[in-house]
C-alpha atoms as a PDB file:
ATOM      1  CA  MET A   1     -33.225  11.477 -30.546  1.00  0.00           C
ATOM      2  CA  LEU A   2     -35.774   9.269 -28.811  1.00  0.00           C
ATOM      3  CA  GLY A   3     -38.723  11.066 -27.327  1.00  0.00           C
ATOM      4  CA  MET A   4     -38.332  11.026 -23.556  1.00  0.00           C
ATOM      5  CA  GLY A   5     -42.064  11.474 -22.982  1.00  0.00           C
ATOM      6  CA  GLU A   6     -42.831   8.366 -25.007  1.00  0.00           C
ATOM      7  CA  GLY A   7     -40.584   6.116 -22.981  1.00  0.00           C
ATOM      8  CA  LEU A   8     -37.430   4.364 -24.119  1.00  0.00           C
ATOM      9  CA  LYS A   9     -38.113   1.407 -26.411  1.00  0.00           C
ATOM     10  CA  THR A  10     -34.703  -0.221 -25.919  1.00  0.00           C
ATOM     11  CA  PRO A  11     -34.683  -2.691 -22.983  1.00  0.00           C
ATOM     12  CA  VAL A  12     -32.614  -1.544 -20.003  1.00  0.00           C
ATOM     13  CA  VAL A  13     -30.749  -3.964 -17.733  1.00  0.00           C
ATOM     14  CA  LEU A  14     -29.778  -3.015 -14.176  1.00  0.00           C
ATOM     15  CA  ILE A  15     -27.332  -5.282 -12.324  1.00  0.00           C
ATOM     16  CA  ILE A  16     -27.582  -4.960  -8.542  1.00  0.00           C
ATOM     17  CA  PHE A  17     -26.343  -6.485  -5.314  1.00  0.00           C
ATOM     18  CA  ASN A  18     -26.271  -4.861  -1.874  1.00  0.00           C
ATOM     19  CA  ARG A  19     -25.788  -1.093  -2.297  1.00  0.00           C
ATOM     20  CA  PRO A  20     -29.197   0.569  -1.990  1.00  0.00           C
ATOM     21  CA  ASN A  21     -27.966   4.182  -2.077  1.00  0.00           C
ATOM     22  CA  LEU A  22     -26.003   3.751  -5.286  1.00  0.00           C
ATOM     23  CA  THR A  23     -28.795   1.699  -6.809  1.00  0.00           C
ATOM     24  CA  ARG A  24     -31.358   4.387  -5.989  1.00  0.00           C
ATOM     25  CA  ALA A  25     -29.355   7.034  -7.875  1.00  0.00           C
ATOM     26  CA  VAL A  26     -28.978   4.866 -10.981  1.00  0.00           C
ATOM     27  CA  PHE A  27     -32.613   3.727 -10.818  1.00  0.00           C
ATOM     28  CA  GLU A  28     -33.782   7.360 -10.795  1.00  0.00           C
ATOM     29  CA  ARG A  29     -31.867   7.968 -14.030  1.00  0.00           C
ATOM     30  CA  ILE A  30     -33.539   4.934 -15.546  1.00  0.00           C
ATOM     31  CA  ARG A  31     -36.935   6.109 -14.328  1.00  0.00           C
ATOM     32  CA  SER A  32     -36.389   9.462 -16.087  1.00  0.00           C
ATOM     33  CA  VAL A  33     -36.462   7.734 -19.506  1.00  0.00           C
ATOM     34  CA  LYS A  34     -39.255   5.266 -18.633  1.00  0.00           C
ATOM     35  CA  PRO A  35     -38.050   2.209 -20.538  1.00  0.00           C
ATOM     36  CA  HIS A  36     -40.769  -0.076 -21.866  1.00  0.00           C
ATOM     37  CA  THR A  37     -38.771  -3.056 -20.564  1.00  0.00           C
ATOM     38  CA  LEU A  38     -36.646  -3.132 -17.412  1.00  0.00           C
ATOM     39  CA  MET A  39     -34.633  -6.249 -16.591  1.00  0.00           C
ATOM     40  CA  ILE A  40     -33.088  -6.707 -13.137  1.00  0.00           C
ATOM     41  CA  VAL A  41     -30.162  -9.046 -12.460  1.00  0.00           C
ATOM     42  CA  ALA A  42     -29.459  -9.473  -8.725  1.00  0.00           C
ATOM     43  CA  ASP A  43     -26.925 -11.462  -6.739  1.00  0.00           C
ATOM     44  CA  GLY A  44     -27.762 -13.033  -3.388  1.00  0.00           C
ATOM     45  CA  PRO A  45     -26.280 -12.341   0.071  1.00  0.00           C
ATOM     46  CA  ARG A  46     -22.865 -13.709   0.952  1.00  0.00           C
ATOM     47  CA  ASN A  47     -22.409 -16.318   3.644  1.00  0.00           C
ATOM     48  CA  GLY A  48     -21.037 -14.908   6.870  1.00  0.00           C
ATOM     49  CA  ARG A  49     -21.931 -11.280   6.048  1.00  0.00           C
ATOM     50  CA  ALA A  50     -24.539 -10.329   8.615  1.00  0.00           C
ATOM     51  CA  THR A  51     -25.590  -7.098   6.885  1.00  0.00           C
ATOM     52  CA  ASP A  52     -25.944  -8.551   3.396  1.00  0.00           C
ATOM     53  CA  SER A  53     -29.461  -9.965   3.712  1.00  0.00           C
ATOM     54  CA  LYS A  54     -30.976  -6.636   4.718  1.00  0.00           C
ATOM     55  CA  ALA A  55     -28.965  -4.658   2.160  1.00  0.00           C
ATOM     56  CA  VAL A  56     -29.907  -7.071  -0.634  1.00  0.00           C
ATOM     57  CA  ARG A  57     -33.590  -6.864   0.346  1.00  0.00           C
ATOM     58  CA  LEU A  58     -33.591  -3.044   0.461  1.00  0.00           C
ATOM     59  CA  THR A  59     -31.796  -2.836  -2.881  1.00  0.00           C
ATOM     60  CA  ARG A  60     -34.349  -5.087  -4.564  1.00  0.00           C
ATOM     61  CA  GLN A  61     -37.214  -3.071  -3.137  1.00  0.00           C
ATOM     62  CA  ILE A  62     -35.842   0.066  -4.780  1.00  0.00           C
ATOM     63  CA  VAL A  63     -35.733  -1.367  -8.291  1.00  0.00           C
ATOM     64  CA  GLU A  64     -39.172  -2.938  -7.972  1.00  0.00           C
ATOM     65  CA  ASN A  65     -40.739   0.496  -7.440  1.00  0.00           C
ATOM     66  CA  VAL A  66     -41.689   0.836 -11.102  1.00  0.00           C
ATOM     67  CA  ASP A  67     -44.364   3.529 -11.444  1.00  0.00           C
ATOM     68  CA  TRP A  68     -44.533   3.863 -15.241  1.00  0.00           C
ATOM     69  CA  PRO A  69     -45.921   1.492 -17.920  1.00  0.00           C
ATOM     70  CA  CYS A  70     -43.199  -1.124 -18.036  1.00  0.00           C
ATOM     71  CA  GLU A  71     -42.551  -4.834 -18.378  1.00  0.00           C
ATOM     72  CA  LEU A  72     -40.398  -5.785 -15.395  1.00  0.00           C
ATOM     73  CA  LEU A  73     -38.335  -8.974 -15.678  1.00  0.00           C
ATOM     74  CA  LYS A  74     -36.364 -10.183 -12.657  1.00  0.00           C
ATOM     75  CA  ASN A  75     -33.497 -12.635 -12.465  1.00  0.00           C
ATOM     76  CA  TYR A  76     -32.669 -13.002  -8.764  1.00  0.00           C
ATOM     77  CA  SER A  77     -30.218 -15.427  -7.214  1.00  0.00           C
ATOM     78  CA  ASP A  78     -30.981 -16.718  -3.712  1.00  0.00           C
ATOM     79  CA  ALA A  79     -27.324 -17.600  -3.119  1.00  0.00           C
ATOM     80  CA  ASN A  80     -24.278 -15.457  -3.759  1.00  0.00           C
ATOM     81  CA  MET A  81     -22.723 -16.306  -7.111  1.00  0.00           C
ATOM     82  CA  GLY A  82     -19.955 -13.721  -7.142  1.00  0.00           C
ATOM     83  CA  CYS A  83     -19.303 -10.866  -9.522  1.00  0.00           C
ATOM     84  CA  GLY A  84     -18.079 -12.917 -12.455  1.00  0.00           C
ATOM     85  CA  VAL A  85     -20.644 -15.715 -12.689  1.00  0.00           C
ATOM     86  CA  ARG A  86     -23.575 -13.554 -11.590  1.00  0.00           C
ATOM     87  CA  VAL A  87     -23.040 -10.819 -14.175  1.00  0.00           C
ATOM     88  CA  ALA A  88     -22.145 -13.161 -17.054  1.00  0.00           C
ATOM     89  CA  SER A  89     -25.045 -15.536 -16.360  1.00  0.00           C
ATOM     90  CA  GLY A  90     -27.364 -12.564 -15.930  1.00  0.00           C
ATOM     91  CA  ILE A  91     -26.456 -11.181 -19.341  1.00  0.00           C
ATOM     92  CA  ASP A  92     -26.905 -14.681 -20.791  1.00  0.00           C
ATOM     93  CA  TRP A  93     -30.440 -14.592 -19.361  1.00  0.00           C
ATOM     94  CA  VAL A  94     -31.066 -11.124 -20.800  1.00  0.00           C
ATOM     95  CA  PHE A  95     -30.313 -12.289 -24.325  1.00  0.00           C
ATOM     96  CA  GLN A  96     -32.574 -15.279 -23.972  1.00  0.00           C
ATOM     97  CA  HIS A  97     -35.395 -12.706 -23.912  1.00  0.00           C
ATOM     98  CA  VAL A  98     -34.319  -9.717 -26.034  1.00  0.00           C
ATOM     99  CA  GLU A  99     -32.178  -9.004 -29.106  1.00  0.00           C
ATOM    100  CA  GLU A 100     -30.430  -5.912 -27.736  1.00  0.00           C
ATOM    101  CA  ALA A 101     -30.154  -4.043 -24.454  1.00  0.00           C
ATOM    102  CA  ILE A 102     -28.589  -1.170 -22.534  1.00  0.00           C
ATOM    103  CA  ILE A 103     -26.703  -2.462 -19.489  1.00  0.00           C
ATOM    104  CA  LEU A 104     -25.905  -0.608 -16.258  1.00  0.00           C
ATOM    105  CA  GLU A 105     -24.418  -1.802 -13.003  1.00  0.00           C
ATOM    106  CA  ASP A 106     -25.491  -0.264  -9.714  1.00  0.00           C
ATOM    107  CA  ASP A 107     -22.487   2.080  -9.560  1.00  0.00           C
ATOM    108  CA  CYS A 108     -22.613   3.417 -13.129  1.00  0.00           C
ATOM    109  CA  LEU A 109     -24.486   6.728 -13.136  1.00  0.00           C
ATOM    110  CA  PRO A 110     -25.359   7.845 -16.676  1.00  0.00           C
ATOM    111  CA  ASP A 111     -26.149  11.227 -18.137  1.00  0.00           C
ATOM    112  CA  PRO A 112     -29.712  11.161 -19.548  1.00  0.00           C
ATOM    113  CA  SER A 113     -28.317  11.472 -23.082  1.00  0.00           C
ATOM    114  CA  PHE A 114     -26.618   8.086 -22.645  1.00  0.00           C
ATOM    115  CA  PHE A 115     -29.923   6.287 -23.266  1.00  0.00           C
ATOM    116  CA  PRO A 116     -30.868   7.791 -26.664  1.00  0.00           C
ATOM    117  CA  PHE A 117     -27.203   7.623 -27.693  1.00  0.00           C
ATOM    118  CA  CYS A 118     -27.218   3.864 -27.128  1.00  0.00           C
ATOM    119  CA  GLY A 119     -30.674   3.430 -28.623  1.00  0.00           C
ATOM    120  CA  GLU A 120     -29.824   5.199 -31.870  1.00  0.00           C
ATOM    121  CA  LEU A 121     -26.522   3.393 -32.376  1.00  0.00           C
ATOM    122  CA  LEU A 122     -27.895  -0.024 -31.453  1.00  0.00           C
ATOM    123  CA  GLU A 123     -30.267   0.446 -34.353  1.00  0.00           C
ATOM    124  CA  ARG A 124     -27.638   1.885 -36.711  1.00  0.00           C
ATOM    125  CA  TYR A 125     -25.101  -0.929 -36.200  1.00  0.00           C
ATOM    126  CA  ARG A 126     -27.547  -3.767 -35.542  1.00  0.00           C
ATOM    127  CA  ASP A 127     -26.370  -5.749 -38.567  1.00  0.00           C
ATOM    128  CA  HIS A 128     -22.680  -4.771 -38.499  1.00  0.00           C
ATOM    129  CA  GLU A 129     -21.049  -7.891 -37.088  1.00  0.00           C
ATOM    130  CA  ARG A 130     -17.743  -6.201 -36.305  1.00  0.00           C
ATOM    131  CA  VAL A 131     -19.375  -3.616 -34.002  1.00  0.00           C
ATOM    132  CA  MET A 132     -19.821  -5.493 -30.745  1.00  0.00           C
ATOM    133  CA  GLN A 133     -20.581  -2.802 -28.175  1.00  0.00           C
ATOM    134  CA  ILE A 134     -21.836   0.735 -27.610  1.00  0.00           C
ATOM    135  CA  SER A 135     -19.816   2.220 -24.743  1.00  0.00           C
ATOM    136  CA  GLY A 136     -20.911   5.031 -22.444  1.00  0.00           C
ATOM    137  CA  SER A 137     -17.464   5.867 -21.084  1.00  0.00           C
ATOM    138  CA  ASN A 138     -14.671   7.922 -22.592  1.00  0.00           C
ATOM    139  CA  PHE A 139     -11.197   7.899 -21.009  1.00  0.00           C
ATOM    140  CA  LEU A 140      -9.527  10.535 -23.151  1.00  0.00           C
ATOM    141  CA  PHE A 141      -9.689  13.029 -20.234  1.00  0.00           C
ATOM    142  CA  ASP A 142     -10.203  15.984 -22.586  1.00  0.00           C
ATOM    143  CA  ARG A 143      -6.660  15.453 -23.838  1.00  0.00           C
ATOM    144  CA  TYR A 144      -7.582  14.135 -27.281  1.00  0.00           C
ATOM    145  CA  ALA A 145     -10.351  15.676 -29.387  1.00  0.00           C
ATOM    146  CA  VAL A 146     -12.733  13.618 -31.516  1.00  0.00           C
ATOM    147  CA  GLU A 147     -14.453  15.549 -34.305  1.00  0.00           C
ATOM    148  CA  GLN A 148     -17.449  13.245 -34.642  1.00  0.00           C
ATOM    149  CA  SER A 149     -19.934  12.299 -31.911  1.00  0.00           C
ATOM    150  CA  TYR A 150     -18.102   9.030 -31.331  1.00  0.00           C
ATOM    151  CA  TYR A 151     -15.250   6.901 -32.580  1.00  0.00           C
ATOM    152  CA  PHE A 152     -14.567   3.184 -32.932  1.00  0.00           C
ATOM    153  CA  SER A 153     -12.255   1.616 -30.381  1.00  0.00           C
ATOM    154  CA  ARG A 154     -10.645  -1.769 -29.826  1.00  0.00           C
ATOM    155  CA  TYR A 155     -11.461  -1.446 -26.115  1.00  0.00           C
ATOM    156  CA  PRO A 156     -14.992  -2.342 -24.907  1.00  0.00           C
ATOM    157  CA  VAL A 157     -15.188  -0.383 -21.633  1.00  0.00           C
ATOM    158  CA  CYS A 158     -18.189  -1.519 -19.598  1.00  0.00           C
ATOM    159  CA  TRP A 159     -19.032   1.380 -17.285  1.00  0.00           C
ATOM    160  CA  GLY A 160     -22.459   1.706 -18.890  1.00  0.00           C
ATOM    161  CA  TRP A 161     -22.764  -0.013 -22.252  1.00  0.00           C
ATOM    162  CA  ALA A 162     -25.074  -1.689 -24.729  1.00  0.00           C
ATOM    163  CA  THR A 163     -24.857  -4.672 -27.033  1.00  0.00           C
ATOM    164  CA  TRP A 164     -26.762  -7.203 -29.109  1.00  0.00           C
ATOM    165  CA  ARG A 165     -27.517 -10.892 -28.708  1.00  0.00           C
ATOM    166  CA  ARG A 166     -25.519 -11.597 -31.870  1.00  0.00           C
ATOM    167  CA  ALA A 167     -22.403 -10.020 -30.243  1.00  0.00           C
ATOM    168  CA  TRP A 168     -22.821 -11.525 -26.763  1.00  0.00           C
ATOM    169  CA  ARG A 169     -22.955 -14.984 -28.346  1.00  0.00           C
ATOM    170  CA  ARG A 170     -19.217 -14.582 -28.904  1.00  0.00           C
ATOM    171  CA  ASN A 171     -18.537 -14.197 -25.182  1.00  0.00           C
ATOM    172  CA  ASP A 172     -16.536 -17.046 -23.654  1.00  0.00           C
ATOM    173  CA  PHE A 173     -16.619 -16.839 -19.872  1.00  0.00           C
ATOM    174  CA  GLU A 174     -14.224 -19.797 -19.588  1.00  0.00           C
ATOM    175  CA  MET A 175     -11.651 -18.047 -21.816  1.00  0.00           C
ATOM    176  CA  SER A 176     -10.946 -21.163 -23.858  1.00  0.00           C
ATOM    177  CA  ALA A 177      -8.945 -19.177 -26.434  1.00  0.00           C
ATOM    178  CA  TRP A 178      -6.617 -17.884 -23.730  1.00  0.00           C
ATOM    179  CA  LYS A 179      -6.196 -21.321 -22.178  1.00  0.00           C
ATOM    180  CA  THR A 180      -5.334 -22.983 -25.479  1.00  0.00           C
ATOM    181  CA  ASP A 181      -3.218 -20.291 -27.175  1.00  0.00           C
ATOM    182  CA  PRO A 182      -2.339 -17.256 -25.013  1.00  0.00           C
ATOM    183  CA  GLU A 183       0.441 -16.142 -27.360  1.00  0.00           C
ATOM    184  CA  ARG A 184      -2.033 -15.726 -30.197  1.00  0.00           C
ATOM    185  CA  CYS A 185      -4.308 -13.671 -27.944  1.00  0.00           C
ATOM    186  CA  LEU A 186      -1.424 -11.367 -27.018  1.00  0.00           C
ATOM    187  CA  ALA A 187      -0.029 -11.027 -30.546  1.00  0.00           C
ATOM    188  CA  ARG A 188      -2.335  -8.113 -31.428  1.00  0.00           C
ATOM    189  CA  PHE A 189      -0.810  -5.882 -28.726  1.00  0.00           C
ATOM    190  CA  ALA A 190       2.243  -4.203 -30.205  1.00  0.00           C
ATOM    191  CA  ASP A 191       3.601  -2.643 -27.014  1.00  0.00           C
ATOM    192  CA  LYS A 192       5.211  -4.947 -24.457  1.00  0.00           C
ATOM    193  CA  ARG A 193       3.733  -2.950 -21.556  1.00  0.00           C
ATOM    194  CA  GLU A 194       0.252  -3.570 -22.869  1.00  0.00           C
ATOM    195  CA  ARG A 195       0.942  -7.247 -23.492  1.00  0.00           C
ATOM    196  CA  ASP A 196       2.195  -7.497 -19.903  1.00  0.00           C
ATOM    197  CA  PHE A 197      -0.970  -5.794 -18.626  1.00  0.00           C
ATOM    198  CA  TRP A 198      -3.301  -8.209 -20.394  1.00  0.00           C
ATOM    199  CA  GLN A 199      -1.210 -11.260 -19.602  1.00  0.00           C
ATOM    200  CA  THR A 200      -1.106 -10.413 -15.890  1.00  0.00           C
ATOM    201  CA  ASN A 201      -4.829  -9.752 -15.633  1.00  0.00           C
ATOM    202  CA  LEU A 202      -6.033 -12.605 -17.815  1.00  0.00           C
ATOM    203  CA  GLU A 203      -3.875 -15.031 -15.867  1.00  0.00           C
ATOM    204  CA  ALA A 204      -5.340 -13.676 -12.630  1.00  0.00           C
ATOM    205  CA  VAL A 205      -8.850 -14.318 -13.954  1.00  0.00           C
ATOM    206  CA  ARG A 206      -7.916 -17.779 -15.246  1.00  0.00           C
ATOM    207  CA  ASP A 207      -6.380 -18.743 -11.889  1.00  0.00           C
ATOM    208  CA  GLY A 208      -9.376 -17.501  -9.908  1.00  0.00           C
ATOM    209  CA  ARG A 209      -7.485 -14.675  -8.197  1.00  0.00           C
ATOM    210  CA  VAL A 210      -9.823 -12.077  -9.731  1.00  0.00           C
ATOM    211  CA  ASP A 211     -13.580 -12.662  -9.806  1.00  0.00           C
ATOM    212  CA  THR A 212     -14.899 -10.744 -12.784  1.00  0.00           C
ATOM    213  CA  TRP A 213     -16.570 -11.048 -16.187  1.00  0.00           C
ATOM    214  CA  ASP A 214     -15.360  -8.052 -18.199  1.00  0.00           C
ATOM    215  CA  TYR A 215     -11.845  -9.283 -18.994  1.00  0.00           C
ATOM    216  CA  GLN A 216     -13.459 -12.316 -20.606  1.00  0.00           C
ATOM    217  CA  TRP A 217     -15.709 -10.058 -22.683  1.00  0.00           C
ATOM    218  CA  SER A 218     -12.760  -7.861 -23.675  1.00  0.00           C
ATOM    219  CA  LEU A 219     -10.838 -10.948 -24.755  1.00  0.00           C
ATOM    220  CA  ALA A 220     -13.795 -12.155 -26.837  1.00  0.00           C
ATOM    221  CA  CYS A 221     -14.055  -8.778 -28.569  1.00  0.00           C
ATOM    222  CA  GLN A 222     -10.307  -8.653 -29.228  1.00  0.00           C
ATOM    223  CA  ASN A 223     -10.266 -12.176 -30.644  1.00  0.00           C
ATOM    224  CA  ALA A 224     -13.174 -11.325 -32.955  1.00  0.00           C
ATOM    225  CA  ASN A 225     -11.416  -8.132 -34.134  1.00  0.00           C
ATOM    226  CA  GLY A 226     -14.460  -6.346 -32.729  1.00  0.00           C
ATOM    227  CA  LEU A 227     -15.081  -2.649 -32.312  1.00  0.00           C
ATOM    228  CA  ALA A 228     -16.728  -0.638 -29.556  1.00  0.00           C
ATOM    229  CA  VAL A 229     -18.499   2.634 -30.292  1.00  0.00           C
ATOM    230  CA  THR A 230     -17.002   5.172 -27.853  1.00  0.00           C
ATOM    231  CA  PRO A 231     -18.662   8.581 -27.299  1.00  0.00           C
ATOM    232  CA  SER A 232     -16.714  11.802 -27.803  1.00  0.00           C
ATOM    233  CA  GLU A 233     -18.029  12.914 -24.387  1.00  0.00           C
ATOM    234  CA  ASN A 234     -17.940  10.773 -21.271  1.00  0.00           C
ATOM    235  CA  LEU A 235     -21.573   9.824 -20.571  1.00  0.00           C
ATOM    236  CA  VAL A 236     -21.197   7.668 -17.453  1.00  0.00           C
ATOM    237  CA  THR A 237     -19.420   8.106 -14.143  1.00  0.00           C
ATOM    238  CA  ASN A 238     -18.522   5.284 -11.781  1.00  0.00           C
ATOM    239  CA  VAL A 239     -19.764   6.291  -8.326  1.00  0.00           C
ATOM    240  CA  GLY A 240     -18.872   2.983  -6.702  1.00  0.00           C
ATOM    241  CA  PHE A 241     -15.356   3.720  -5.505  1.00  0.00           C
ATOM    242  CA  GLY A 242     -14.884   2.915  -1.848  1.00  0.00           C
ATOM    243  CA  PRO A 243     -14.405   0.164   0.738  1.00  0.00           C
ATOM    244  CA  ASP A 244     -17.697  -1.635  -0.068  1.00  0.00           C
ATOM    245  CA  ALA A 245     -16.873  -2.079  -3.761  1.00  0.00           C
ATOM    246  CA  THR A 246     -15.806  -5.402  -5.250  1.00  0.00           C
ATOM    247  CA  HIS A 247     -12.994  -4.132  -7.488  1.00  0.00           C
ATOM    248  CA  THR A 248     -12.892  -0.305  -7.330  1.00  0.00           C
ATOM    249  CA  THR A 249     -11.946  -0.220  -3.644  1.00  0.00           C
ATOM    250  CA  SER A 250      -9.296   2.474  -3.622  1.00  0.00           C
ATOM    251  CA  ARG A 251     -10.113   6.150  -3.296  1.00  0.00           C
ATOM    252  CA  LEU A 252      -6.810   6.761  -5.070  1.00  0.00           C
ATOM    253  CA  LEU A 253      -8.501   5.537  -8.259  1.00  0.00           C
ATOM    254  CA  SER A 254     -11.472   7.873  -7.938  1.00  0.00           C
ATOM    255  CA  VAL A 255     -10.285  10.499 -10.443  1.00  0.00           C
ATOM    256  CA  ARG A 256     -12.839  10.047 -13.196  1.00  0.00           C
ATOM    257  CA  PRO A 257     -13.664  11.940 -16.380  1.00  0.00           C
ATOM    258  CA  ALA A 258     -16.439  14.509 -16.026  1.00  0.00           C
ATOM    259  CA  VAL A 259     -19.851  13.582 -17.418  1.00  0.00           C
ATOM    260  CA  ARG A 260     -21.306  15.749 -20.166  1.00  0.00           C
ATOM    261  CA  ALA A 261     -24.295  15.286 -22.431  1.00  0.00           C
ATOM    262  CA  ILE A 262     -23.794  14.224 -26.025  1.00  0.00           C
ATOM    263  CA  LYS A 263     -25.281  16.549 -28.635  1.00  0.00           C
ATOM    264  CA  PHE A 264     -27.893  15.465 -31.158  1.00  0.00           C
ATOM    265  CA  PRO A 265     -28.142  14.918 -34.058  1.00  0.00           C
ATOM    266  CA  LEU A 266     -25.147  12.623 -33.886  1.00  0.00           C
ATOM    267  CA  ARG A 267     -22.240  13.083 -36.266  1.00  0.00           C
ATOM    268  CA  HIS A 268     -21.081   9.684 -37.492  1.00  0.00           C
ATOM    269  CA  PRO A 269     -17.561   8.568 -38.477  1.00  0.00           C
ATOM    270  CA  ARG A 270     -17.088   7.890 -42.164  1.00  0.00           C
ATOM    271  CA  HIS A 271     -15.212   4.620 -41.775  1.00  0.00           C
ATOM    272  CA  LEU A 272     -15.755   1.522 -39.675  1.00  0.00           C
ATOM    273  CA  GLU A 273     -12.188   1.405 -38.358  1.00  0.00           C
ATOM    274  CA  PRO A 274     -10.617   1.986 -34.942  1.00  0.00           C
ATOM    275  CA  ASN A 275      -9.269   5.433 -34.126  1.00  0.00           C
ATOM    276  CA  ILE A 276      -5.637   4.430 -33.673  1.00  0.00           C
ATOM    277  CA  GLU A 277      -4.512   7.663 -32.017  1.00  0.00           C
ATOM    278  CA  ALA A 278      -7.369   7.675 -29.492  1.00  0.00           C
ATOM    279  CA  ASP A 279      -6.801   4.010 -28.694  1.00  0.00           C
ATOM    280  CA  GLU A 280      -3.080   4.535 -28.176  1.00  0.00           C
ATOM    281  CA  PHE A 281      -3.834   7.381 -25.763  1.00  0.00           C
ATOM    282  CA  THR A 282      -6.324   5.204 -23.845  1.00  0.00           C
ATOM    283  CA  ALA A 283      -3.906   2.281 -23.750  1.00  0.00           C
ATOM    284  CA  ARG A 284      -1.105   4.401 -22.312  1.00  0.00           C
ATOM    285  CA  ARG A 285      -3.401   5.681 -19.558  1.00  0.00           C
ATOM    286  CA  ILE A 286      -5.183   2.441 -18.671  1.00  0.00           C
ATOM    287  CA  PHE A 287      -3.716  -0.667 -20.288  1.00  0.00           C
ATOM    288  CA  TYR A 288       0.029  -0.310 -19.773  1.00  0.00           C
ATOM    289  CA  LYS A 289       1.536  -2.306 -16.937  1.00  0.00           C
ATOM    290  CA  ARG A 290       3.640  -0.016 -14.741  1.00  0.00           C
ATOM    291  CA  SER A 291       6.302  -0.461 -12.128  1.00  0.00           C
ATOM    292  CA  ARG A 292       5.577   0.768  -8.601  1.00  0.00           C
ATOM    293  CA  LEU A 293       7.468   3.955  -9.363  1.00  0.00           C
ATOM    294  CA  GLY A 294       5.523   4.357 -12.593  1.00  0.00           C
ATOM    295  CA  LYS A 295       2.219   3.878 -10.749  1.00  0.00           C
ATOM    296  CA  ALA A 296       3.195   6.517  -8.189  1.00  0.00           C
ATOM    297  CA  ALA A 297       4.154   8.969 -10.929  1.00  0.00           C
ATOM    298  CA  GLU A 298       0.883   8.342 -12.791  1.00  0.00           C
ATOM    299  CA  LEU A 299      -1.131   8.853  -9.602  1.00  0.00           C
ATOM    300  CA  LEU A 300       0.683  12.136  -8.918  1.00  0.00           C
ATOM    301  CA  ARG A 301       0.098  13.267 -12.498  1.00  0.00           C
ATOM    302  CA  ARG A 302      -3.621  12.504 -12.299  1.00  0.00           C
ATOM    303  CA  ARG A 303      -4.009  14.226  -8.944  1.00  0.00           C
ATOM    304  CA  LEU A 304      -2.245  17.317 -10.245  1.00  0.00           C
ATOM    305  CA  PHE A 305      -4.317  17.374 -13.431  1.00  0.00           C
ATOM    306  CA  ALA A 306      -7.497  16.871 -11.406  1.00  0.00           C
ATOM    307  CA  ALA A 307      -6.610  19.777  -9.096  1.00  0.00           C
ATOM    308  CA  LEU A 308      -5.867  22.075 -12.025  1.00  0.00           C
ATOM    309  CA  SER A 309      -9.048  21.021 -13.801  1.00  0.00           C
ATOM    310  CA  HIS A 310     -11.412  21.080 -10.815  1.00  0.00           C
ATOM    311  CA  ALA A 311     -12.774  24.530 -11.595  1.00  0.00           C
ATOM    312  CA  GLY A 312     -13.022  23.786 -15.309  1.00  0.00           C
ATOM    313  CA  ARG A 313     -14.046  20.824 -17.418  1.00  0.00           C
ATOM    314  CA  GLY A 314     -11.669  18.189 -16.105  1.00  0.00           C
ATOM    315  CA  TYR A 315     -13.205  15.903 -13.499  1.00  0.00           C
ATOM    316  CA  GLU A 316     -16.105  15.548 -11.166  1.00  0.00           C
ATOM    317  CA  SER A 317     -17.018  13.415  -8.153  1.00  0.00           C
ATOM    318  CA  PRO A 318     -20.835  13.441  -8.024  1.00  0.00           C
ATOM    319  CA  GLU A 319     -22.521  13.064  -4.669  1.00  0.00           C
ATOM    320  CA  VAL A 320     -24.789  10.077  -4.199  1.00  0.00           C
ATOM    321  CA  SER A 321     -27.450  10.147  -1.426  1.00  0.00           C
ATOM    322  CA  SER A 322     -27.188   8.492   1.445  1.00  0.00           C
ATOM    323  CA  VAL A 323     -28.513 -20.632  -6.571  1.00  0.00           C
ATOM    324  CA  THR A 324     -32.017 -20.522  -7.618  1.00  0.00           C
ATOM    325  CA  MET A 325     -32.805 -17.985 -10.305  1.00  0.00           C
ATOM    326  CA  SER A 326     -36.305 -17.066 -11.376  1.00  0.00           C
ATOM    327  CA  SER A 327     -37.673 -14.988 -14.228  1.00  0.00           C
ATOM    328  CA  VAL A 328     -40.754 -13.029 -13.155  1.00  0.00           C
ATOM    329  CA  ARG A 329     -42.789 -10.825 -15.455  1.00  0.00           C
ATOM    330  CA  SER A 330     -45.016  -8.032 -14.216  1.00  0.00           C
ATOM    331  CA  LYS A 331     -46.770  -4.990 -15.600  1.00  0.00           C
END
């Protein structure tokens, strides 16, 4: 485990926009591990949103309050680029400067053990081309046990994650593989409900109805037969649910797995292969397209399970207190 007093050697990336309260909470977690390098990717205010300019300014002030020995690199956009282009171009910029990095968005609140977990496994799998991501999130909801400290998954969930330049080079924001041969992209999904889920969402991204970057990354990982390291404990919670979010706008979606620290030393899987049973469980919960009735039943099930688990280990809802791009280095 990395020595917290020494400061984290792995570069940390924080992606921000206009939510100072959420950003402050995540920044404090980053400050607790004192990374040697902190890289900030920020979008600009939207046209016609009177409150954006002030919120963007306040948010940037928070992350610039670096009071430990640190190289601070900033990639700020004056104009609003949108979630998809801003995040993807920001990560492109990150890997122009570093070989590997831990990446957090402003609404992804990590347990402190998330940082050494990522740092150790970035080093361990640095030269394993098939491993494309270290994930911080686990969506097994305590319903499927993993004996080791983590497992390999086909699904690169990006609520707190880490990766390498060599993996991000495979990202294709324009989704050329999908545009030229969608059937081939869908062929690896055995269940029709999962194929329908990916087809619906990838078409929405292609047609510009959804402004995002992570479906493109997921597609790149799937097409490369890539694997994502997934922790046996959920290490990151998304605190961004609500009306000011870009995608996670519904409170009905706010049932999230509880966050618990990972134990060190890590116990490693013997084989570099996906955990089929864990992936099937995750797919049924997240990546199956449902009818309206099916969605209602799933929501009721999750609410009931959350209520029964509230006093135990099930779920938590942590409280959070209330284009021209430039690269600037400072000490």
